[in-house]
Amino acid sequence: MPRYAITERAGPFVAAHRNTGVGTVLDLTERQAEHELRLGTLAALDVAVALPATATLPSASTQPPAAF
């Protein structure tokens, strides 16, 4: 289950949990955290950066020459 930290923008309740202070970590489902993330009252802690399956990295031959 993803983990989220409460931010300084949060009110007394965050995702139906009492706000016990900035930095408090909550284990929530993505659906539970969705609205609070939009508001900025939660920050995602377990963020993994992944490229889409169709994305490819440019090869050395397709990159423009470096200017020195």
PDB file of N, CA and C in Angstrom:
ATOM      1  N   MET A   1       0.860  -1.171   0.000  1.00  0.00           N
ATOM      2  CA  MET A   1       0.000   0.000   0.000  1.00  0.00           C
ATOM      3  C   MET A   1       0.909   1.237   0.000  1.00  0.00           C
ATOM      4  N   PRO A   2       0.636   2.206  -0.888  1.00  0.00           N
ATOM      5  CA  PRO A   2       1.472   3.409  -0.951  1.00  0.00           C
ATOM      6  C   PRO A   2       1.421   4.212   0.344  1.00  0.00           C
ATOM      7  N   ARG A   3       2.499   4.947   0.573  1.00  0.00           N
ATOM      8  CA  ARG A   3       2.605   5.770   1.783  1.00  0.00           C
ATOM      9  C   ARG A   3       2.605   7.246   1.403  1.00  0.00           C
ATOM     10  N   TYR A   4       1.981   8.061   2.246  1.00  0.00           N
ATOM     11  CA  TYR A   4       1.844   9.490   1.997  1.00  0.00           C
ATOM     12  C   TYR A   4       2.143  10.250   3.285  1.00  0.00           C
ATOM     13  N   ALA A   5       2.731  11.444   3.141  1.00  0.00           N
ATOM     14  CA  ALA A   5       3.024  12.293   4.296  1.00  0.00           C
ATOM     15  C   ALA A   5       2.088  13.494   4.282  1.00  0.00           C
ATOM     16  N   ILE A   6       1.629  13.886   5.444  1.00  0.00           N
ATOM     17  CA  ILE A   6       0.765  15.053   5.582  1.00  0.00           C
ATOM     18  C   ILE A   6       1.613  16.310   5.416  1.00  0.00           C
ATOM     19  N   THR A   7       1.101  17.287   4.658  1.00  0.00           N
ATOM     20  CA  THR A   7       1.817  18.544   4.431  1.00  0.00           C
ATOM     21  C   THR A   7       1.259  19.653   5.323  1.00  0.00           C
ATOM     22  N   GLU A   8       1.921  20.814   5.258  1.00  0.00           N
ATOM     23  CA  GLU A   8       1.504  21.954   6.079  1.00  0.00           C
ATOM     24  C   GLU A   8       0.185  22.562   5.606  1.00  0.00           C
ATOM     25  N   ARG A   9      -0.300  22.198   4.432  1.00  0.00           N
ATOM     26  CA  ARG A   9      -1.562  22.723   3.903  1.00  0.00           C
ATOM     27  C   ARG A   9      -2.773  21.995   4.458  1.00  0.00           C
ATOM     28  N   ALA A  10      -2.573  20.909   5.167  1.00  0.00           N
ATOM     29  CA  ALA A  10      -3.679  20.065   5.634  1.00  0.00           C
ATOM     30  C   ALA A  10      -4.447  20.708   6.780  1.00  0.00           C
ATOM     31  N   GLY A  11      -5.739  20.398   6.811  1.00  0.00           N
ATOM     32  CA  GLY A  11      -6.598  20.849   7.898  1.00  0.00           C
ATOM     33  C   GLY A  11      -6.620  19.811   9.013  1.00  0.00           C
ATOM     34  N   PRO A  12      -7.656  19.827   9.853  1.00  0.00           N
ATOM     35  CA  PRO A  12      -7.717  18.899  10.986  1.00  0.00           C
ATOM     36  C   PRO A  12      -7.916  17.437  10.593  1.00  0.00           C
ATOM     37  N   PHE A  13      -8.462  17.184   9.396  1.00  0.00           N
ATOM     38  CA  PHE A  13      -8.646  15.817   8.918  1.00  0.00           C
ATOM     39  C   PHE A  13      -8.083  15.694   7.504  1.00  0.00           C
ATOM     40  N   VAL A  14      -7.415  14.585   7.249  1.00  0.00           N
ATOM     41  CA  VAL A  14      -6.838  14.305   5.928  1.00  0.00           C
ATOM     42  C   VAL A  14      -7.238  12.881   5.555  1.00  0.00           C
ATOM     43  N   ALA A  15      -7.943  12.728   4.447  1.00  0.00           N
ATOM     44  CA  ALA A  15      -8.401  11.418   3.974  1.00  0.00           C
ATOM     45  C   ALA A  15      -9.073  10.627   5.093  1.00  0.00           C
ATOM     46  N   ALA A  16      -9.953  11.289   5.830  1.00  0.00           N
ATOM     47  CA  ALA A  16     -10.722  10.700   6.925  1.00  0.00           C
ATOM     48  C   ALA A  16      -9.861  10.283   8.115  1.00  0.00           C
ATOM     49  N   HIS A  17      -8.654  10.810   8.225  1.00  0.00           N
ATOM     50  CA  HIS A  17      -7.778  10.553   9.365  1.00  0.00           C
ATOM     51  C   HIS A  17      -7.501  11.874  10.072  1.00  0.00           C
ATOM     52  N   ARG A  18      -7.441  11.837  11.398  1.00  0.00           N
ATOM     53  CA  ARG A  18      -7.109  13.051  12.146  1.00  0.00           C
ATOM     54  C   ARG A  18      -5.672  13.450  11.847  1.00  0.00           C
ATOM     55  N   ASN A  19      -5.471  14.737  11.558  1.00  0.00           N
ATOM     56  CA  ASN A  19      -4.146  15.269  11.277  1.00  0.00           C
ATOM     57  C   ASN A  19      -3.383  15.381  12.590  1.00  0.00           C
ATOM     58  N   THR A  20      -2.332  14.577  12.746  1.00  0.00           N
ATOM     59  CA  THR A  20      -1.537  14.607  13.978  1.00  0.00           C
ATOM     60  C   THR A  20      -0.235  15.381  13.793  1.00  0.00           C
ATOM     61  N   GLY A  21      -0.073  16.027  12.653  1.00  0.00           N
ATOM     62  CA  GLY A  21       1.086  16.888  12.447  1.00  0.00           C
ATOM     63  C   GLY A  21       1.729  16.706  11.083  1.00  0.00           C
ATOM     64  N   VAL A  22       2.446  17.740  10.662  1.00  0.00           N
ATOM     65  CA  VAL A  22       3.148  17.720   9.385  1.00  0.00           C
ATOM     66  C   VAL A  22       4.175  16.600   9.395  1.00  0.00           C
ATOM     67  N   GLY A  23       4.201  15.842   8.300  1.00  0.00           N
ATOM     68  CA  GLY A  23       5.146  14.745   8.185  1.00  0.00           C
ATOM     69  C   GLY A  23       4.617  13.408   8.649  1.00  0.00           C
ATOM     70  N   THR A  24       3.443  13.387   9.262  1.00  0.00           N
ATOM     71  CA  THR A  24       2.853  12.118   9.677  1.00  0.00           C
ATOM     72  C   THR A  24       2.622  11.253   8.446  1.00  0.00           C
ATOM     73  N   VAL A  25       3.012   9.999   8.516  1.00  0.00           N
ATOM     74  CA  VAL A  25       2.903   9.091   7.378  1.00  0.00           C
ATOM     75  C   VAL A  25       1.621   8.285   7.481  1.00  0.00           C
ATOM     76  N   LEU A  26       0.873   8.257   6.375  1.00  0.00           N
ATOM     77  CA  LEU A  26      -0.370   7.486   6.291  1.00  0.00           C
ATOM     78  C   LEU A  26      -0.223   6.427   5.206  1.00  0.00           C
ATOM     79  N   ASP A  27      -0.709   5.227   5.462  1.00  0.00           N
ATOM     80  CA  ASP A  27      -0.781   4.167   4.460  1.00  0.00           C
ATOM     81  C   ASP A  27      -2.189   4.192   3.880  1.00  0.00           C
ATOM     82  N   LEU A  28      -2.300   4.624   2.624  1.00  0.00           N
ATOM     83  CA  LEU A  28      -3.598   4.775   1.979  1.00  0.00           C
ATOM     84  C   LEU A  28      -3.571   4.122   0.615  1.00  0.00           C
ATOM     85  N   THR A  29      -4.747   3.774   0.123  1.00  0.00           N
ATOM     86  CA  THR A  29      -4.833   3.318  -1.256  1.00  0.00           C
ATOM     87  C   THR A  29      -4.711   4.548  -2.151  1.00  0.00           C
ATOM     88  N   GLU A  30      -4.437   4.321  -3.429  1.00  0.00           N
ATOM     89  CA  GLU A  30      -4.333   5.441  -4.360  1.00  0.00           C
ATOM     90  C   GLU A  30      -5.657   6.188  -4.447  1.00  0.00           C
ATOM     91  N   ARG A  31      -6.740   5.454  -4.378  1.00  0.00           N
ATOM     92  CA  ARG A  31      -8.056   6.093  -4.445  1.00  0.00           C
ATOM     93  C   ARG A  31      -8.317   6.956  -3.205  1.00  0.00           C
ATOM     94  N   GLN A  32      -7.917   6.485  -2.027  1.00  0.00           N
ATOM     95  CA  GLN A  32      -8.108   7.260  -0.806  1.00  0.00           C
ATOM     96  C   GLN A  32      -7.298   8.562  -0.844  1.00  0.00           C
ATOM     97  N   ALA A  33      -6.127   8.525  -1.440  1.00  0.00           N
ATOM     98  CA  ALA A  33      -5.225   9.673  -1.438  1.00  0.00           C
ATOM     99  C   ALA A  33      -5.450  10.623  -2.606  1.00  0.00           C
ATOM    100  N   GLU A  34      -6.168  10.196  -3.619  1.00  0.00           N
ATOM    101  CA  GLU A  34      -6.296  10.952  -4.866  1.00  0.00           C
ATOM    102  C   GLU A  34      -6.701  12.414  -4.659  1.00  0.00           C
ATOM    103  N   HIS A  35      -7.780  12.662  -3.960  1.00  0.00           N
ATOM    104  CA  HIS A  35      -8.273  14.028  -3.762  1.00  0.00           C
ATOM    105  C   HIS A  35      -7.301  14.858  -2.931  1.00  0.00           C
ATOM    106  N   GLU A  36      -6.773  14.287  -1.866  1.00  0.00           N
ATOM    107  CA  GLU A  36      -5.847  15.011  -0.987  1.00  0.00           C
ATOM    108  C   GLU A  36      -4.558  15.372  -1.740  1.00  0.00           C
ATOM    109  N   LEU A  37      -4.108  14.524  -2.651  1.00  0.00           N
ATOM    110  CA  LEU A  37      -2.937  14.847  -3.466  1.00  0.00           C
ATOM    111  C   LEU A  37      -3.215  16.047  -4.353  1.00  0.00           C
ATOM    112  N   ARG A  38      -4.408  16.104  -4.936  1.00  0.00           N
ATOM    113  CA  ARG A  38      -4.785  17.258  -5.771  1.00  0.00           C
ATOM    114  C   ARG A  38      -4.811  18.539  -4.957  1.00  0.00           C
ATOM    115  N   LEU A  39      -5.252  18.442  -3.707  1.00  0.00           N
ATOM    116  CA  LEU A  39      -5.312  19.625  -2.837  1.00  0.00           C
ATOM    117  C   LEU A  39      -3.939  20.047  -2.315  1.00  0.00           C
ATOM    118  N   GLY A  40      -2.993  19.121  -2.349  1.00  0.00           N
ATOM    119  CA  GLY A  40      -1.666  19.418  -1.820  1.00  0.00           C
ATOM    120  C   GLY A  40      -1.547  19.169  -0.331  1.00  0.00           C
ATOM    121  N   THR A  41      -2.511  18.466   0.250  1.00  0.00           N
ATOM    122  CA  THR A  41      -2.464  18.186   1.689  1.00  0.00           C
ATOM    123  C   THR A  41      -1.724  16.897   1.997  1.00  0.00           C
ATOM    124  N   LEU A  42      -1.406  16.115   0.948  1.00  0.00           N
ATOM    125  CA  LEU A  42      -0.590  14.909   1.087  1.00  0.00           C
ATOM    126  C   LEU A  42       0.532  14.962   0.063  1.00  0.00           C
ATOM    127  N   ALA A  43       1.654  14.351   0.413  1.00  0.00           N
ATOM    128  CA  ALA A  43       2.771  14.185  -0.510  1.00  0.00           C
ATOM    129  C   ALA A  43       3.089  12.702  -0.605  1.00  0.00           C
ATOM    130  N   ALA A  44       3.198  12.196  -1.830  1.00  0.00           N
ATOM    131  CA  ALA A  44       3.509  10.775  -2.036  1.00  0.00           C
ATOM    132  C   ALA A  44       4.949  10.500  -1.652  1.00  0.00           C
ATOM    133  N   LEU A  45       5.170   9.426  -0.887  1.00  0.00           N
ATOM    134  CA  LEU A  45       6.522   9.049  -0.469  1.00  0.00           C
ATOM    135  C   LEU A  45       7.100   7.946  -1.331  1.00  0.00           C
ATOM    136  N   ASP A  46       6.280   7.046  -1.836  1.00  0.00           N
ATOM    137  CA  ASP A  46       6.742   5.901  -2.618  1.00  0.00           C
ATOM    138  C   ASP A  46       6.538   6.178  -4.101  1.00  0.00           C
ATOM    139  N   VAL A  47       7.219   7.172  -4.614  1.00  0.00           N
ATOM    140  CA  VAL A  47       7.051   7.542  -6.009  1.00  0.00           C
ATOM    141  C   VAL A  47       8.137   6.865  -6.832  1.00  0.00           C
ATOM    142  N   ALA A  48       7.724   6.053  -7.783  1.00  0.00           N
ATOM    143  CA  ALA A  48       8.666   5.387  -8.686  1.00  0.00           C
ATOM    144  C   ALA A  48       8.526   6.016 -10.065  1.00  0.00           C
ATOM    145  N   VAL A  49       9.638   6.368 -10.652  1.00  0.00           N
ATOM    146  CA  VAL A  49       9.622   6.951 -11.983  1.00  0.00           C
ATOM    147  C   VAL A  49       9.772   5.829 -12.996  1.00  0.00           C
ATOM    148  N   ALA A  50       8.805   5.717 -13.867  1.00  0.00           N
ATOM    149  CA  ALA A  50       8.832   4.655 -14.867  1.00  0.00           C
ATOM    150  C   ALA A  50       8.485   5.237 -16.227  1.00  0.00           C
ATOM    151  N   LEU A  51       9.165   4.759 -17.250  1.00  0.00           N
ATOM    152  CA  LEU A  51       8.856   5.167 -18.605  1.00  0.00           C
ATOM    153  C   LEU A  51       7.702   4.324 -19.120  1.00  0.00           C
ATOM    154  N   PRO A  52       6.825   4.921 -19.920  1.00  0.00           N
ATOM    155  CA  PRO A  52       5.762   4.119 -20.518  1.00  0.00           C
ATOM    156  C   PRO A  52       6.361   3.024 -21.393  1.00  0.00           C
ATOM    157  N   ALA A  53       5.635   1.956 -21.596  1.00  0.00           N
ATOM    158  CA  ALA A  53       6.137   0.813 -22.357  1.00  0.00           C
ATOM    159  C   ALA A  53       6.492   1.186 -23.783  1.00  0.00           C
ATOM    160  N   THR A  54       5.836   2.189 -24.357  1.00  0.00           N
ATOM    161  CA  THR A  54       6.097   2.573 -25.739  1.00  0.00           C
ATOM    162  C   THR A  54       7.232   3.577 -25.858  1.00  0.00           C
ATOM    163  N   ALA A  55       7.689   4.142 -24.756  1.00  0.00           N
ATOM    164  CA  ALA A  55       8.751   5.147 -24.804  1.00  0.00           C
ATOM    165  C   ALA A  55      10.091   4.486 -25.050  1.00  0.00           C
ATOM    166  N   THR A  56      10.898   5.154 -25.857  1.00  0.00           N
ATOM    167  CA  THR A  56      12.254   4.674 -26.101  1.00  0.00           C
ATOM    168  C   THR A  56      13.214   5.821 -25.884  1.00  0.00           C
ATOM    169  N   LEU A  57      14.373   5.510 -25.446  1.00  0.00           N
ATOM    170  CA  LEU A  57      15.397   6.522 -25.261  1.00  0.00           C
ATOM    171  C   LEU A  57      16.112   6.736 -26.587  1.00  0.00           C
ATOM    172  N   PRO A  58      16.490   7.983 -26.899  1.00  0.00           N
ATOM    173  CA  PRO A  58      17.177   8.229 -28.158  1.00  0.00           C
ATOM    174  C   PRO A  58      18.551   7.574 -28.159  1.00  0.00           C
ATOM    175  N   SER A  59      18.926   7.045 -29.302  1.00  0.00           N
ATOM    176  CA  SER A  59      20.246   6.430 -29.422  1.00  0.00           C
ATOM    177  C   SER A  59      21.266   7.515 -29.729  1.00  0.00           C
ATOM    178  N   ALA A  60      22.519   7.187 -29.595  1.00  0.00           N
ATOM    179  CA  ALA A  60      23.594   8.147 -29.831  1.00  0.00           C
ATOM    180  C   ALA A  60      23.576   8.648 -31.273  1.00  0.00           C
ATOM    181  N   SER A  61      23.137   7.827 -32.221  1.00  0.00           N
ATOM    182  CA  SER A  61      23.144   8.229 -33.627  1.00  0.00           C
ATOM    183  C   SER A  61      22.030   9.222 -33.957  1.00  0.00           C
ATOM    184  N   THR A  62      20.975   9.302 -33.135  1.00  0.00           N
ATOM    185  CA  THR A  62      19.875  10.217 -33.418  1.00  0.00           C
ATOM    186  C   THR A  62      20.002  11.539 -32.674  1.00  0.00           C
ATOM    187  N   GLN A  63      20.958  11.647 -31.779  1.00  0.00           N
ATOM    188  CA  GLN A  63      21.155  12.877 -31.023  1.00  0.00           C
ATOM    189  C   GLN A  63      21.989  13.843 -31.855  1.00  0.00           C
ATOM    190  N   PRO A  64      21.701  15.147 -31.751  1.00  0.00           N
ATOM    191  CA  PRO A  64      22.507  16.122 -32.493  1.00  0.00           C
ATOM    192  C   PRO A  64      23.928  16.149 -31.937  1.00  0.00           C
ATOM    193  N   PRO A  65      24.896  16.535 -32.754  1.00  0.00           N
ATOM    194  CA  PRO A  65      26.278  16.584 -32.283  1.00  0.00           C
ATOM    195  C   PRO A  65      26.431  17.616 -31.174  1.00  0.00           C
ATOM    196  N   ALA A  66      27.301  17.328 -30.240  1.00  0.00           N
ATOM    197  CA  ALA A  66      27.530  18.230 -29.125  1.00  0.00           C
ATOM    198  C   ALA A  66      28.315  19.447 -29.607  1.00  0.00           C
ATOM    199  N   ALA A  67      27.908  20.638 -29.158  1.00  0.00           N
ATOM    200  CA  ALA A  67      28.606  21.869 -29.508  1.00  0.00           C
ATOM    201  C   ALA A  67      29.611  22.199 -28.415  1.00  0.00           C
ATOM    202  N   PHE A  68      30.848  22.394 -28.824  1.00  0.00           N
ATOM    203  CA  PHE A  68      31.893  22.748 -27.853  1.00  0.00           C
ATOM    204  C   PHE A  68      32.374  24.130 -28.051  1.00  0.00           C
TER     205      PHE A  68
END
